[in-house]
Amino acid sequence: MPAAPTGLRSVHLIERDEHFGPFWKSICYDPARGALRPNLTFVNAAGTVLFETNEAGLTGPPLDPRRKLAVVWGDSVVFCAGRSWVPLLEGKAPGWQFLNGGIDGDPASNILERAAAFNAAHRVALNLLLLGWHPFVPSWWRDAAVQRGAVAPRVGEAGAENAGNHGLRERLREFLRRHANTVLLTVATALNPDNLATPMSQYRVEGSPEIAFRVFGDTSREVAGQAEAYAYILERNAIARAVCGELGVRVIDLAAGFDTRGTADFREHFVDVLHFRHPAYPLVAHRVYEGIADLVT
């Protein structure tokens, strides 16, 4: 039998989907550690378990010492509000346990720190690392902060145009040198050169006309924000590919696999410019598994 979680579990009710966000994070997230609290269960009004953290503070069931452990690290693209694509990897690789190491809103620097700390404390056979998109900083937010004196003008590293990518190259290089058991996943986006000039807020999610296609940043400047966000994501993926190429680290290129250029509808697999729709989860899991099949058989 799998190992039982240590300590008592705390159960919390999520009455509506919109309660995923500040409500759950205020309970689940430990800001002092930059990690999720262990042994928590979140249920809906029907008593269905929406998601739970195990004794190690990862989303999913207790650690199973009988199986090899793989952890998918990332931000909300991995966490997916408790209904993630990560568990769909379980049935594809007998003898392996896949746990979700995603946290909503987690910046790349903390993703790397969490993964390093967990690897030091546990026997991880495989890290699947998605650096996510945080912290994307639109230029007008950064400029306003500089004018207030809240932040100093950034002196960027060569090739890094957005403050959110500053220092990422070296931090990633250091992590990968220490953790050779890592496969990197690039960040996919619904944005492409053909739709950057079109305000995304005018669209609705494909198949869900009542749900707006969400954007990031100020709606009044969304076209400018889309262009900056797209350049930022391209830059982050370029940094990741370059470091992985330098160190011989395998890359699963979700950005290329879910490129929306030339597609009939860029919303097919996305609920907003960066997050996958639930119907796309099996395809995401399939493409990730294809990239690691030889490692987990």
C-alpha atoms as a PDB file:
ATOM      1  CA  MET A   1       0.000   0.000   0.000  1.00  0.00           C
ATOM      2  CA  PRO A   2       1.176   3.588  -0.617  1.00  0.00           C
ATOM      3  CA  ALA A   3       2.627   5.374   2.382  1.00  0.00           C
ATOM      4  CA  ALA A   4       0.047   7.189   4.521  1.00  0.00           C
ATOM      5  CA  PRO A   5       0.355  10.956   4.873  1.00  0.00           C
ATOM      6  CA  THR A   6       1.943  12.110   8.090  1.00  0.00           C
ATOM      7  CA  GLY A   7      -0.156  14.100  10.546  1.00  0.00           C
ATOM      8  CA  LEU A   8      -3.820  15.056  10.464  1.00  0.00           C
ATOM      9  CA  ARG A   9      -5.381  16.353   7.276  1.00  0.00           C
ATOM     10  CA  SER A  10      -7.166  19.678   7.064  1.00  0.00           C
ATOM     11  CA  VAL A  11     -10.279  19.716   4.839  1.00  0.00           C
ATOM     12  CA  HIS A  12     -11.557  22.932   3.226  1.00  0.00           C
ATOM     13  CA  LEU A  13     -14.683  23.604   1.160  1.00  0.00           C
ATOM     14  CA  ILE A  14     -14.471  25.252  -2.272  1.00  0.00           C
ATOM     15  CA  GLU A  15     -18.040  26.360  -2.979  1.00  0.00           C
ATOM     16  CA  ARG A  16     -17.420  27.815  -6.452  1.00  0.00           C
ATOM     17  CA  ASP A  17     -14.642  27.630  -9.018  1.00  0.00           C
ATOM     18  CA  GLU A  18     -13.865  31.305  -8.543  1.00  0.00           C
ATOM     19  CA  HIS A  19     -12.786  30.509  -4.981  1.00  0.00           C
ATOM     20  CA  PHE A  20      -9.645  29.042  -6.502  1.00  0.00           C
ATOM     21  CA  GLY A  21      -7.362  32.027  -6.221  1.00  0.00           C
ATOM     22  CA  PRO A  22      -6.922  34.256  -3.158  1.00  0.00           C
ATOM     23  CA  PHE A  23      -9.157  32.000  -1.006  1.00  0.00           C
ATOM     24  CA  TRP A  24      -7.383  28.712  -1.544  1.00  0.00           C
ATOM     25  CA  LYS A  25      -3.955  30.300  -1.698  1.00  0.00           C
ATOM     26  CA  SER A  26      -4.433  32.037   1.647  1.00  0.00           C
ATOM     27  CA  ILE A  27      -4.935  28.576   3.152  1.00  0.00           C
ATOM     28  CA  CYS A  28      -2.647  26.471   1.012  1.00  0.00           C
ATOM     29  CA  TYR A  29       0.383  28.684   0.429  1.00  0.00           C
ATOM     30  CA  ASP A  30       3.107  29.261   3.011  1.00  0.00           C
ATOM     31  CA  PRO A  31       4.785  32.576   2.048  1.00  0.00           C
ATOM     32  CA  ALA A  32       7.629  32.052   4.510  1.00  0.00           C
ATOM     33  CA  ARG A  33       8.714  28.909   2.642  1.00  0.00           C
ATOM     34  CA  GLY A  34       7.418  29.852  -0.808  1.00  0.00           C
ATOM     35  CA  ALA A  35       5.714  26.448  -0.959  1.00  0.00           C
ATOM     36  CA  LEU A  36       2.378  24.708  -0.401  1.00  0.00           C
ATOM     37  CA  ARG A  37       1.420  23.514   3.058  1.00  0.00           C
ATOM     38  CA  PRO A  38       1.216  19.725   3.456  1.00  0.00           C
ATOM     39  CA  ASN A  39      -1.758  17.472   4.237  1.00  0.00           C
ATOM     40  CA  LEU A  40      -4.562  19.661   2.911  1.00  0.00           C
ATOM     41  CA  THR A  41      -7.715  18.512   1.107  1.00  0.00           C
ATOM     42  CA  PHE A  42     -10.052  20.811  -0.825  1.00  0.00           C
ATOM     43  CA  VAL A  43     -13.558  19.546  -1.660  1.00  0.00           C
ATOM     44  CA  ASN A  44     -16.649  20.947  -3.356  1.00  0.00           C
ATOM     45  CA  ALA A  45     -20.187  21.003  -1.938  1.00  0.00           C
ATOM     46  CA  ALA A  46     -20.805  17.470  -3.227  1.00  0.00           C
ATOM     47  CA  GLY A  47     -17.826  16.167  -1.282  1.00  0.00           C
ATOM     48  CA  THR A  48     -15.712  15.557  -4.369  1.00  0.00           C
ATOM     49  CA  VAL A  49     -11.999  16.051  -3.763  1.00  0.00           C
ATOM     50  CA  LEU A  50     -10.827  18.863  -6.046  1.00  0.00           C
ATOM     51  CA  PHE A  51      -7.199  18.650  -5.051  1.00  0.00           C
ATOM     52  CA  GLU A  52      -5.033  17.736  -2.101  1.00  0.00           C
ATOM     53  CA  THR A  53      -1.493  18.204  -0.933  1.00  0.00           C
ATOM     54  CA  ASN A  54       0.457  15.264   0.413  1.00  0.00           C
ATOM     55  CA  GLU A  55       2.879  14.993   3.320  1.00  0.00           C
ATOM     56  CA  ALA A  56       5.622  16.551   1.165  1.00  0.00           C
ATOM     57  CA  GLY A  57       3.543  19.595   0.199  1.00  0.00           C
ATOM     58  CA  LEU A  58       3.041  18.573  -3.431  1.00  0.00           C
ATOM     59  CA  THR A  59      -0.336  18.293  -5.108  1.00  0.00           C
ATOM     60  CA  GLY A  60      -1.379  14.665  -5.286  1.00  0.00           C
ATOM     61  CA  PRO A  61      -1.520  11.492  -3.198  1.00  0.00           C
ATOM     62  CA  PRO A  62       1.038  10.391  -0.589  1.00  0.00           C
ATOM     63  CA  LEU A  63       4.546   9.524  -1.710  1.00  0.00           C
ATOM     64  CA  ASP A  64       4.688   5.914  -2.844  1.00  0.00           C
ATOM     65  CA  PRO A  65       8.100   4.404  -2.013  1.00  0.00           C
ATOM     66  CA  ARG A  66       7.383   1.421  -4.262  1.00  0.00           C
ATOM     67  CA  ARG A  67       7.525   3.554  -7.376  1.00  0.00           C
ATOM     68  CA  LYS A  68      10.062   5.898  -8.918  1.00  0.00           C
ATOM     69  CA  LEU A  69       9.168   9.527  -8.352  1.00  0.00           C
ATOM     70  CA  ALA A  70       8.733  12.141 -11.081  1.00  0.00           C
ATOM     71  CA  VAL A  71       7.746  15.709 -10.204  1.00  0.00           C
ATOM     72  CA  VAL A  72       6.409  18.280 -12.656  1.00  0.00           C
ATOM     73  CA  TRP A  73       7.560  21.729 -11.494  1.00  0.00           C
ATOM     74  CA  GLY A  74       5.982  24.986 -12.615  1.00  0.00           C
ATOM     75  CA  ASP A  75       3.430  27.716 -12.057  1.00  0.00           C
ATOM     76  CA  SER A  76      -0.328  27.748 -12.707  1.00  0.00           C
ATOM     77  CA  VAL A  77       0.187  26.122 -16.127  1.00  0.00           C
ATOM     78  CA  VAL A  78       1.179  23.000 -14.153  1.00  0.00           C
ATOM     79  CA  PHE A  79      -1.000  23.501 -11.078  1.00  0.00           C
ATOM     80  CA  CYS A  80      -4.173  24.086 -13.144  1.00  0.00           C
ATOM     81  CA  ALA A  81      -6.422  24.996 -10.170  1.00  0.00           C
ATOM     82  CA  GLY A  82      -6.292  21.455  -8.864  1.00  0.00           C
ATOM     83  CA  ARG A  83      -7.519  19.765 -12.048  1.00  0.00           C
ATOM     84  CA  SER A  84      -4.235  19.338 -13.816  1.00  0.00           C
ATOM     85  CA  TRP A  85      -2.943  17.328 -16.747  1.00  0.00           C
ATOM     86  CA  VAL A  86      -0.171  15.930 -14.525  1.00  0.00           C
ATOM     87  CA  PRO A  87      -2.186  12.968 -13.097  1.00  0.00           C
ATOM     88  CA  LEU A  88      -2.877  11.822 -16.671  1.00  0.00           C
ATOM     89  CA  LEU A  89       0.781  10.766 -16.878  1.00  0.00           C
ATOM     90  CA  GLU A  90       0.241   8.172 -14.122  1.00  0.00           C
ATOM     91  CA  GLY A  91      -1.307   5.430 -16.205  1.00  0.00           C
ATOM     92  CA  LYS A  92       1.212   5.780 -19.001  1.00  0.00           C
ATOM     93  CA  ALA A  93       4.257   4.679 -17.018  1.00  0.00           C
ATOM     94  CA  PRO A  94       3.687   1.762 -14.618  1.00  0.00           C
ATOM     95  CA  GLY A  95       6.145   1.816 -11.780  1.00  0.00           C
ATOM     96  CA  TRP A  96       6.296   5.628 -11.749  1.00  0.00           C
ATOM     97  CA  GLN A  97       4.516   8.180  -9.605  1.00  0.00           C
ATOM     98  CA  PHE A  98       3.960  11.657 -11.094  1.00  0.00           C
ATOM     99  CA  LEU A  99       3.295  14.484  -8.639  1.00  0.00           C
ATOM    100  CA  ASN A 100       2.338  18.079  -9.309  1.00  0.00           C
ATOM    101  CA  GLY A 101       4.887  20.663  -8.168  1.00  0.00           C
ATOM    102  CA  GLY A 102       3.059  23.635  -9.662  1.00  0.00           C
ATOM    103  CA  ILE A 103       2.018  26.709  -7.683  1.00  0.00           C
ATOM    104  CA  ASP A 104      -0.233  29.434  -9.022  1.00  0.00           C
ATOM    105  CA  GLY A 105       1.731  32.644  -9.620  1.00  0.00           C
ATOM    106  CA  ASP A 106       5.130  31.156  -8.801  1.00  0.00           C
ATOM    107  CA  PRO A 107       8.083  32.982 -10.402  1.00  0.00           C
ATOM    108  CA  ALA A 108      10.791  30.986 -12.170  1.00  0.00           C
ATOM    109  CA  SER A 109      13.359  31.721  -9.473  1.00  0.00           C
ATOM    110  CA  ASN A 110      11.161  30.156  -6.778  1.00  0.00           C
ATOM    111  CA  ILE A 111      10.271  27.189  -8.987  1.00  0.00           C
ATOM    112  CA  LEU A 112      13.970  26.410  -9.252  1.00  0.00           C
ATOM    113  CA  GLU A 113      14.523  26.916  -5.510  1.00  0.00           C
ATOM    114  CA  ARG A 114      11.603  24.657  -4.581  1.00  0.00           C
ATOM    115  CA  ALA A 115      12.733  21.945  -6.962  1.00  0.00           C
ATOM    116  CA  ALA A 116      16.302  22.067  -5.652  1.00  0.00           C
ATOM    117  CA  ALA A 117      15.165  21.872  -2.015  1.00  0.00           C
ATOM    118  CA  PHE A 118      12.814  18.977  -2.712  1.00  0.00           C
ATOM    119  CA  ASN A 119      15.487  17.054  -4.601  1.00  0.00           C
ATOM    120  CA  ALA A 120      17.833  17.493  -1.649  1.00  0.00           C
ATOM    121  CA  ALA A 121      15.254  15.995   0.712  1.00  0.00           C
ATOM    122  CA  HIS A 122      13.700  13.260  -1.459  1.00  0.00           C
ATOM    123  CA  ARG A 123      14.750  10.635  -3.970  1.00  0.00           C
ATOM    124  CA  VAL A 124      13.499  12.174  -7.211  1.00  0.00           C
ATOM    125  CA  ALA A 125      14.144  10.072 -10.296  1.00  0.00           C
ATOM    126  CA  LEU A 126      12.951  12.653 -12.827  1.00  0.00           C
ATOM    127  CA  ASN A 127      12.259  16.398 -12.758  1.00  0.00           C
ATOM    128  CA  LEU A 128      10.001  17.836 -15.441  1.00  0.00           C
ATOM    129  CA  LEU A 129      10.651  21.571 -15.333  1.00  0.00           C
ATOM    130  CA  LEU A 130       8.361  24.221 -16.799  1.00  0.00           C
ATOM    131  CA  LEU A 131       9.634  27.695 -15.916  1.00  0.00           C
ATOM    132  CA  GLY A 132       6.235  29.332 -16.403  1.00  0.00           C
ATOM    133  CA  TRP A 133       5.639  32.974 -17.247  1.00  0.00           C
ATOM    134  CA  HIS A 134       6.106  34.807 -13.940  1.00  0.00           C
ATOM    135  CA  PRO A 135       7.084  37.503 -13.269  1.00  0.00           C
ATOM    136  CA  PHE A 136       6.049  39.202 -16.504  1.00  0.00           C
ATOM    137  CA  VAL A 137       6.283  42.968 -15.945  1.00  0.00           C
ATOM    138  CA  PRO A 138       4.671  45.247 -18.583  1.00  0.00           C
ATOM    139  CA  SER A 139       6.946  48.168 -19.381  1.00  0.00           C
ATOM    140  CA  TRP A 140       4.511  50.786 -18.051  1.00  0.00           C
ATOM    141  CA  TRP A 141       4.300  48.999 -14.667  1.00  0.00           C
ATOM    142  CA  ARG A 142       8.088  48.868 -14.464  1.00  0.00           C
ATOM    143  CA  ASP A 143       8.488  52.487 -15.552  1.00  0.00           C
ATOM    144  CA  ALA A 144       5.899  53.668 -13.007  1.00  0.00           C
ATOM    145  CA  ALA A 145       7.706  51.754 -10.251  1.00  0.00           C
ATOM    146  CA  VAL A 146      11.018  53.311 -11.274  1.00  0.00           C
ATOM    147  CA  GLN A 147       9.486  56.787 -11.185  1.00  0.00           C
ATOM    148  CA  ARG A 148       8.156  56.131  -7.669  1.00  0.00           C
ATOM    149  CA  GLY A 149      11.580  54.905  -6.620  1.00  0.00           C
ATOM    150  CA  ALA A 150      10.103  51.514  -5.719  1.00  0.00           C
ATOM    151  CA  VAL A 151      12.625  49.736  -7.942  1.00  0.00           C
ATOM    152  CA  ALA A 152      15.903  50.731  -9.479  1.00  0.00           C
ATOM    153  CA  PRO A 153      16.292  50.937 -13.260  1.00  0.00           C
ATOM    154  CA  ARG A 154      17.250  47.445 -14.423  1.00  0.00           C
ATOM    155  CA  VAL A 155      20.667  46.744 -15.780  1.00  0.00           C
ATOM    156  CA  GLY A 156      19.830  43.708 -17.883  1.00  0.00           C
ATOM    157  CA  GLU A 157      21.973  40.762 -18.817  1.00  0.00           C
ATOM    158  CA  ALA A 158      22.910  40.408 -22.468  1.00  0.00           C
ATOM    159  CA  GLY A 159      19.905  39.259 -24.481  1.00  0.00           C
ATOM    160  CA  ALA A 160      17.361  39.757 -21.693  1.00  0.00           C
ATOM    161  CA  GLU A 161      14.888  42.531 -22.516  1.00  0.00           C
ATOM    162  CA  ASN A 162      12.304  42.012 -19.771  1.00  0.00           C
ATOM    163  CA  ALA A 163      13.050  42.310 -16.062  1.00  0.00           C
ATOM    164  CA  GLY A 164      11.239  39.031 -15.432  1.00  0.00           C
ATOM    165  CA  ASN A 165      13.973  37.142 -17.296  1.00  0.00           C
ATOM    166  CA  HIS A 166      16.875  38.937 -15.636  1.00  0.00           C
ATOM    167  CA  GLY A 167      19.345  36.403 -14.207  1.00  0.00           C
ATOM    168  CA  LEU A 168      17.335  33.410 -15.401  1.00  0.00           C
ATOM    169  CA  ARG A 169      20.070  32.063 -17.643  1.00  0.00           C
ATOM    170  CA  GLU A 170      22.578  31.572 -14.811  1.00  0.00           C
ATOM    171  CA  ARG A 171      20.029  30.302 -12.278  1.00  0.00           C
ATOM    172  CA  LEU A 172      18.775  27.704 -14.754  1.00  0.00           C
ATOM    173  CA  ARG A 173      22.317  26.703 -15.702  1.00  0.00           C
ATOM    174  CA  GLU A 174      23.215  26.179 -12.035  1.00  0.00           C
ATOM    175  CA  PHE A 175      20.105  24.074 -11.374  1.00  0.00           C
ATOM    176  CA  LEU A 176      20.602  21.848 -14.410  1.00  0.00           C
ATOM    177  CA  ARG A 177      24.262  21.269 -13.604  1.00  0.00           C
ATOM    178  CA  ARG A 178      23.252  20.010 -10.154  1.00  0.00           C
ATOM    179  CA  HIS A 179      20.215  18.036 -11.282  1.00  0.00           C
ATOM    180  CA  ALA A 180      21.029  16.074 -14.404  1.00  0.00           C
ATOM    181  CA  ASN A 181      17.776  14.107 -13.995  1.00  0.00           C
ATOM    182  CA  THR A 182      15.793  16.993 -15.494  1.00  0.00           C
ATOM    183  CA  VAL A 183      13.781  17.426 -18.691  1.00  0.00           C
ATOM    184  CA  LEU A 184      12.691  20.956 -19.563  1.00  0.00           C
ATOM    185  CA  LEU A 185       9.261  21.914 -20.954  1.00  0.00           C
ATOM    186  CA  THR A 186       8.949  25.160 -22.898  1.00  0.00           C
ATOM    187  CA  VAL A 187       6.089  27.597 -22.267  1.00  0.00           C
ATOM    188  CA  ALA A 188       3.238  27.470 -24.792  1.00  0.00           C
ATOM    189  CA  THR A 189       1.061  30.461 -25.661  1.00  0.00           C
ATOM    190  CA  ALA A 190      -2.021  31.189 -27.724  1.00  0.00           C
ATOM    191  CA  LEU A 191      -0.352  34.384 -28.943  1.00  0.00           C
ATOM    192  CA  ASN A 192       1.303  34.386 -32.326  1.00  0.00           C
ATOM    193  CA  PRO A 193       2.532  37.077 -34.760  1.00  0.00           C
ATOM    194  CA  ASP A 194      -0.801  37.046 -36.599  1.00  0.00           C
ATOM    195  CA  ASN A 195      -3.027  37.816 -33.602  1.00  0.00           C
ATOM    196  CA  LEU A 196      -0.834  40.148 -31.538  1.00  0.00           C
ATOM    197  CA  ALA A 197      -2.567  43.278 -32.844  1.00  0.00           C
ATOM    198  CA  THR A 198      -6.054  41.955 -32.068  1.00  0.00           C
ATOM    199  CA  PRO A 199      -7.406  42.646 -28.538  1.00  0.00           C
ATOM    200  CA  MET A 200      -7.862  39.230 -26.953  1.00  0.00           C
ATOM    201  CA  SER A 201     -10.598  40.488 -24.606  1.00  0.00           C
ATOM    202  CA  GLN A 202     -13.076  40.616 -27.494  1.00  0.00           C
ATOM    203  CA  TYR A 203     -12.995  36.817 -27.767  1.00  0.00           C
ATOM    204  CA  ARG A 204     -14.786  34.162 -25.772  1.00  0.00           C
ATOM    205  CA  VAL A 205     -13.381  30.760 -24.903  1.00  0.00           C
ATOM    206  CA  GLU A 206     -14.091  28.266 -27.676  1.00  0.00           C
ATOM    207  CA  GLY A 207     -17.086  26.157 -26.593  1.00  0.00           C
ATOM    208  CA  SER A 208     -17.813  28.464 -23.613  1.00  0.00           C
ATOM    209  CA  PRO A 209     -19.319  31.688 -24.999  1.00  0.00           C
ATOM    210  CA  GLU A 210     -19.982  33.044 -21.493  1.00  0.00           C
ATOM    211  CA  ILE A 211     -16.274  32.978 -20.573  1.00  0.00           C
ATOM    212  CA  ALA A 212     -14.070  35.784 -21.860  1.00  0.00           C
ATOM    213  CA  PHE A 213     -10.664  34.917 -23.277  1.00  0.00           C
ATOM    214  CA  ARG A 214      -8.604  36.330 -20.420  1.00  0.00           C
ATOM    215  CA  VAL A 215      -5.674  38.677 -20.823  1.00  0.00           C
ATOM    216  CA  PHE A 216      -2.894  39.856 -18.520  1.00  0.00           C
ATOM    217  CA  GLY A 217      -2.080  43.408 -17.552  1.00  0.00           C
ATOM    218  CA  ASP A 218      -4.133  46.540 -18.239  1.00  0.00           C
ATOM    219  CA  THR A 219      -7.071  45.980 -20.597  1.00  0.00           C
ATOM    220  CA  SER A 220      -6.711  49.562 -21.827  1.00  0.00           C
ATOM    221  CA  ARG A 221      -3.242  48.665 -23.115  1.00  0.00           C
ATOM    222  CA  GLU A 222      -3.828  45.035 -23.927  1.00  0.00           C
ATOM    223  CA  VAL A 223      -2.455  45.130 -27.479  1.00  0.00           C
ATOM    224  CA  ALA A 224       0.817  46.619 -26.244  1.00  0.00           C
ATOM    225  CA  GLY A 225       0.778  44.123 -23.373  1.00  0.00           C
ATOM    226  CA  GLN A 226       0.210  41.216 -25.740  1.00  0.00           C
ATOM    227  CA  ALA A 227       3.207  42.200 -27.830  1.00  0.00           C
ATOM    228  CA  GLU A 228       5.415  42.559 -24.749  1.00  0.00           C
ATOM    229  CA  ALA A 229       4.153  39.279 -23.259  1.00  0.00           C
ATOM    230  CA  TYR A 230       4.802  37.407 -26.492  1.00  0.00           C
ATOM    231  CA  ALA A 231       8.345  38.792 -26.765  1.00  0.00           C
ATOM    232  CA  TYR A 232       8.916  37.894 -23.119  1.00  0.00           C
ATOM    233  CA  ILE A 233       7.752  34.293 -23.563  1.00  0.00           C
ATOM    234  CA  LEU A 234       9.825  33.893 -26.725  1.00  0.00           C
ATOM    235  CA  GLU A 235      12.818  35.222 -24.824  1.00  0.00           C
ATOM    236  CA  ARG A 236      12.263  32.903 -21.855  1.00  0.00           C
ATOM    237  CA  ASN A 237      11.982  29.877 -24.137  1.00  0.00           C
ATOM    238  CA  ALA A 238      15.078  30.966 -26.057  1.00  0.00           C
ATOM    239  CA  ILE A 239      17.064  31.206 -22.810  1.00  0.00           C
ATOM    240  CA  ALA A 240      15.842  27.770 -21.757  1.00  0.00           C
ATOM    241  CA  ARG A 241      16.651  26.157 -25.102  1.00  0.00           C
ATOM    242  CA  ALA A 242      20.105  27.741 -25.186  1.00  0.00           C
ATOM    243  CA  VAL A 243      21.046  26.582 -21.689  1.00  0.00           C
ATOM    244  CA  CYS A 244      19.680  23.084 -22.343  1.00  0.00           C
ATOM    245  CA  GLY A 245      21.596  22.915 -25.627  1.00  0.00           C
ATOM    246  CA  GLU A 246      24.772  23.978 -23.849  1.00  0.00           C
ATOM    247  CA  LEU A 247      24.385  21.296 -21.150  1.00  0.00           C
ATOM    248  CA  GLY A 248      22.831  18.541 -23.257  1.00  0.00           C
ATOM    249  CA  VAL A 249      19.495  18.624 -21.400  1.00  0.00           C
ATOM    250  CA  ARG A 250      16.422  17.223 -23.124  1.00  0.00           C
ATOM    251  CA  VAL A 251      13.672  19.676 -24.101  1.00  0.00           C
ATOM    252  CA  ILE A 252       9.997  18.915 -24.671  1.00  0.00           C
ATOM    253  CA  ASP A 253       8.962  21.836 -26.839  1.00  0.00           C
ATOM    254  CA  LEU A 254       5.354  22.529 -25.857  1.00  0.00           C
ATOM    255  CA  ALA A 255       5.670  25.988 -27.395  1.00  0.00           C
ATOM    256  CA  ALA A 256       6.259  24.452 -30.814  1.00  0.00           C
ATOM    257  CA  GLY A 257       3.752  21.645 -30.264  1.00  0.00           C
ATOM    258  CA  PHE A 258       0.969  24.089 -29.416  1.00  0.00           C
ATOM    259  CA  ASP A 259       1.966  26.901 -31.790  1.00  0.00           C
ATOM    260  CA  THR A 260      -1.270  28.562 -32.908  1.00  0.00           C
ATOM    261  CA  ARG A 261       0.043  30.070 -36.137  1.00  0.00           C
ATOM    262  CA  GLY A 262      -1.966  28.790 -39.081  1.00  0.00           C
ATOM    263  CA  THR A 263      -4.606  27.111 -36.886  1.00  0.00           C
ATOM    264  CA  ALA A 264      -8.305  27.570 -37.536  1.00  0.00           C
ATOM    265  CA  ASP A 265      -8.867  28.935 -34.014  1.00  0.00           C
ATOM    266  CA  PHE A 266      -6.073  29.933 -31.647  1.00  0.00           C
ATOM    267  CA  ARG A 267      -8.429  29.227 -28.713  1.00  0.00           C
ATOM    268  CA  GLU A 268      -8.705  25.517 -29.476  1.00  0.00           C
ATOM    269  CA  HIS A 269      -6.352  24.445 -26.680  1.00  0.00           C
ATOM    270  CA  PHE A 270      -6.195  27.622 -24.567  1.00  0.00           C
ATOM    271  CA  VAL A 271      -8.503  29.246 -22.022  1.00  0.00           C
ATOM    272  CA  ASP A 272      -6.381  32.392 -22.107  1.00  0.00           C
ATOM    273  CA  VAL A 273      -3.072  33.424 -23.633  1.00  0.00           C
ATOM    274  CA  LEU A 274      -1.085  30.941 -21.509  1.00  0.00           C
ATOM    275  CA  HIS A 275      -3.282  28.328 -19.820  1.00  0.00           C
ATOM    276  CA  PHE A 276      -4.546  25.130 -21.406  1.00  0.00           C
ATOM    277  CA  ARG A 277      -8.241  24.263 -21.543  1.00  0.00           C
ATOM    278  CA  HIS A 278      -9.384  21.124 -19.707  1.00  0.00           C
ATOM    279  CA  PRO A 279     -10.202  19.292 -22.977  1.00  0.00           C
ATOM    280  CA  ALA A 280      -6.570  19.801 -24.020  1.00  0.00           C
ATOM    281  CA  TYR A 281      -5.129  18.106 -20.924  1.00  0.00           C
ATOM    282  CA  PRO A 282      -4.962  14.604 -22.452  1.00  0.00           C
ATOM    283  CA  LEU A 283      -3.055  15.999 -25.433  1.00  0.00           C
ATOM    284  CA  VAL A 284      -0.638  17.900 -23.172  1.00  0.00           C
ATOM    285  CA  ALA A 285      -0.013  14.744 -21.131  1.00  0.00           C
ATOM    286  CA  HIS A 286       0.445  12.702 -24.309  1.00  0.00           C
ATOM    287  CA  ARG A 287       3.042  15.080 -25.722  1.00  0.00           C
ATOM    288  CA  VAL A 288       4.919  15.211 -22.432  1.00  0.00           C
ATOM    289  CA  TYR A 289       4.904  11.421 -22.208  1.00  0.00           C
ATOM    290  CA  GLU A 290       6.147  11.111 -25.774  1.00  0.00           C
ATOM    291  CA  GLY A 291       9.127  13.194 -24.745  1.00  0.00           C
ATOM    292  CA  ILE A 292      10.053  10.981 -21.776  1.00  0.00           C
ATOM    293  CA  ALA A 293       8.762   7.559 -22.817  1.00  0.00           C
ATOM    294  CA  ASP A 294      12.253   6.067 -23.090  1.00  0.00           C
ATOM    295  CA  LEU A 295      13.136   7.391 -19.633  1.00  0.00           C
ATOM    296  CA  VAL A 296      10.159   5.882 -17.799  1.00  0.00           C
ATOM    297  CA  THR A 297       9.947   2.423 -19.351  1.00  0.00           C
END
